[in-house]
Protein backbone atom coordinates (compact mmCIF):
# COMPACT_ATOMS: atom_id res chain seq x y z
CA MET A 1 -31.31 -61.17 27.53
CA LEU A 2 -34.44 -60.48 25.48
CA PRO A 3 -37.43 -62.77 25.95
CA ASN A 4 -38.34 -65.23 23.23
CA THR A 5 -40.67 -63.24 20.94
CA SER A 6 -42.99 -66.17 20.22
CA ARG A 7 -43.35 -66.82 23.95
CA VAL A 8 -44.20 -63.14 24.58
CA ARG A 9 -46.83 -63.24 21.81
CA ALA A 10 -48.33 -66.45 23.21
CA ARG A 11 -48.46 -64.98 26.71
CA SER A 12 -50.22 -61.84 25.48
CA LYS A 13 -53.18 -63.96 24.39
CA GLU A 14 -53.53 -65.70 27.73
CA PRO A 15 -56.85 -64.94 29.39
CA ALA A 16 -55.49 -64.75 32.96
CA PRO A 17 -54.75 -60.98 32.98
CA VAL A 18 -58.22 -60.29 31.59
CA PHE A 19 -59.91 -62.49 34.20
CA ALA A 20 -57.85 -60.84 36.94
CA ALA A 21 -58.87 -57.39 35.71
CA LEU A 22 -62.52 -58.43 35.54
CA GLY A 23 -62.45 -59.73 39.11
CA CYS A 24 -63.56 -56.41 40.59
CA VAL A 25 -67.05 -54.91 40.70
CA THR A 26 -65.73 -51.39 40.08
CA ARG A 27 -63.83 -52.44 36.97
CA LEU A 28 -66.89 -54.31 35.69
CA GLU A 29 -68.88 -51.09 36.16
CA LEU A 30 -66.26 -49.13 34.22
CA ILE A 31 -66.37 -51.68 31.40
CA SER A 32 -70.15 -51.42 31.38
CA ARG A 33 -69.91 -47.65 31.06
CA LEU A 34 -67.37 -47.91 28.25
CA SER A 35 -69.22 -50.67 26.38
CA ASP A 36 -71.31 -48.26 24.32
CA GLY A 37 -68.20 -47.55 22.25
CA GLY A 38 -67.78 -43.93 23.34
CA ASP A 39 -64.69 -42.37 24.80
CA TYR A 40 -64.86 -40.95 28.29
CA SER A 41 -62.75 -38.85 30.60
CA ILE A 42 -61.99 -39.92 34.15
CA THR A 43 -64.43 -37.26 35.36
CA GLU A 44 -67.21 -38.71 33.21
CA LEU A 45 -66.43 -42.25 34.37
CA THR A 46 -66.37 -41.17 38.03
CA ASP A 47 -69.83 -39.58 37.81
CA GLY A 48 -72.28 -41.45 40.03
CA LEU A 49 -69.64 -43.66 41.64
CA ASP A 50 -68.64 -43.27 45.26
CA LEU A 51 -64.94 -43.27 44.36
CA THR A 52 -62.27 -40.64 43.88
CA ARG A 53 -60.75 -39.82 40.52
CA GLN A 54 -57.49 -41.33 41.78
CA ALA A 55 -59.24 -44.63 42.57
CA ILE A 56 -60.88 -44.70 39.12
CA THR A 57 -57.50 -43.95 37.56
CA LYS A 58 -55.95 -46.96 39.32
CA HIS A 59 -58.78 -49.22 38.12
CA LEU A 60 -58.39 -47.92 34.58
CA GLN A 61 -54.65 -48.65 34.73
CA VAL A 62 -55.40 -52.28 35.64
CA LEU A 63 -57.82 -52.53 32.70
CA GLN A 64 -55.25 -50.90 30.44
CA ARG A 65 -52.48 -53.32 31.46
CA ALA A 66 -54.85 -56.21 30.66
CA GLY A 67 -55.44 -54.70 27.22
CA ILE A 68 -59.15 -54.10 27.81
CA VAL A 69 -59.00 -50.30 27.73
CA ASN A 70 -57.14 -47.78 25.57
CA SER A 71 -56.39 -44.22 26.55
CA ARG A 72 -55.40 -41.18 24.54
CA ARG A 73 -54.58 -37.64 25.50
CA VAL A 74 -56.91 -34.87 24.34
CA GLY A 75 -55.59 -31.59 25.61
CA ARG A 76 -55.05 -31.93 29.34
CA GLU A 77 -57.26 -34.96 29.87
CA SER A 78 -57.09 -38.65 29.09
CA ARG A 79 -59.96 -40.23 27.17
CA PHE A 80 -60.69 -43.94 27.59
CA THR A 81 -62.25 -46.45 25.18
CA ILE A 82 -62.90 -50.15 25.42
CA ARG A 83 -61.00 -52.76 23.41
CA PRO A 84 -63.43 -55.68 23.05
CA GLY A 85 -60.81 -58.10 21.68
CA PRO A 86 -59.41 -59.32 25.03
CA ILE A 87 -62.90 -59.81 26.45
CA THR A 88 -63.90 -61.77 23.34
CA GLN A 89 -60.77 -63.91 23.71
CA ALA A 90 -61.65 -64.62 27.35
CA LYS A 91 -65.20 -65.53 26.30
CA ASP A 92 -63.83 -67.87 23.62
CA TYR A 93 -61.55 -69.46 26.23
CA LEU A 94 -64.52 -70.08 28.54
CA THR A 95 -66.46 -71.58 25.63
CA ARG A 96 -63.60 -73.99 24.84
CA VAL A 97 -63.30 -75.04 28.48
CA SER A 98 -67.07 -75.47 28.74
CA ASP A 99 -67.07 -77.64 25.61
CA GLN A 100 -64.27 -79.77 27.07
CA TRP A 101 -66.26 -80.27 30.27
CA ASP A 102 -69.40 -81.15 28.30
CA LYS A 103 -67.44 -83.81 26.38
CA SER A 104 -65.90 -85.17 29.59
CA ILE A 105 -69.29 -85.40 31.27
CA ALA A 106 -70.75 -87.12 28.21
CA ARG A 107 -67.92 -89.70 28.28
CA LEU A 108 -68.44 -90.27 32.00
CA ARG A 109 -72.19 -90.66 31.50
CA ALA A 110 -71.62 -93.17 28.70
CA THR A 111 -69.22 -95.16 30.89
CA VAL A 112 -71.57 -95.15 33.88
CA GLU A 113 -74.63 -96.12 31.82
CA GLN A 114 -72.94 -99.16 30.20
């Protein structure tokens, strides 16, 4: 049975996979390196890190599954670029939650101060 298409679309905008992917210092470093908008090979992304190419590849796969990174083949190598959309959506989610907390705290303060 095929999943409900609207449910699949709604799930794809959930921030949880993005937050899970961002929960690692190495992946944050990779995002930082990619954030200039360039495209990089695994070799270029590994430069200066104390990790193997295989380890970097696994981290890039996690970022790719979360929709944060795109890859494309150029000859025999893969080139990686950042997709800022999912990170922006996660930021917007955090802003909404923060606003909700601010409103809740304001209501609590008003109740307490009465």
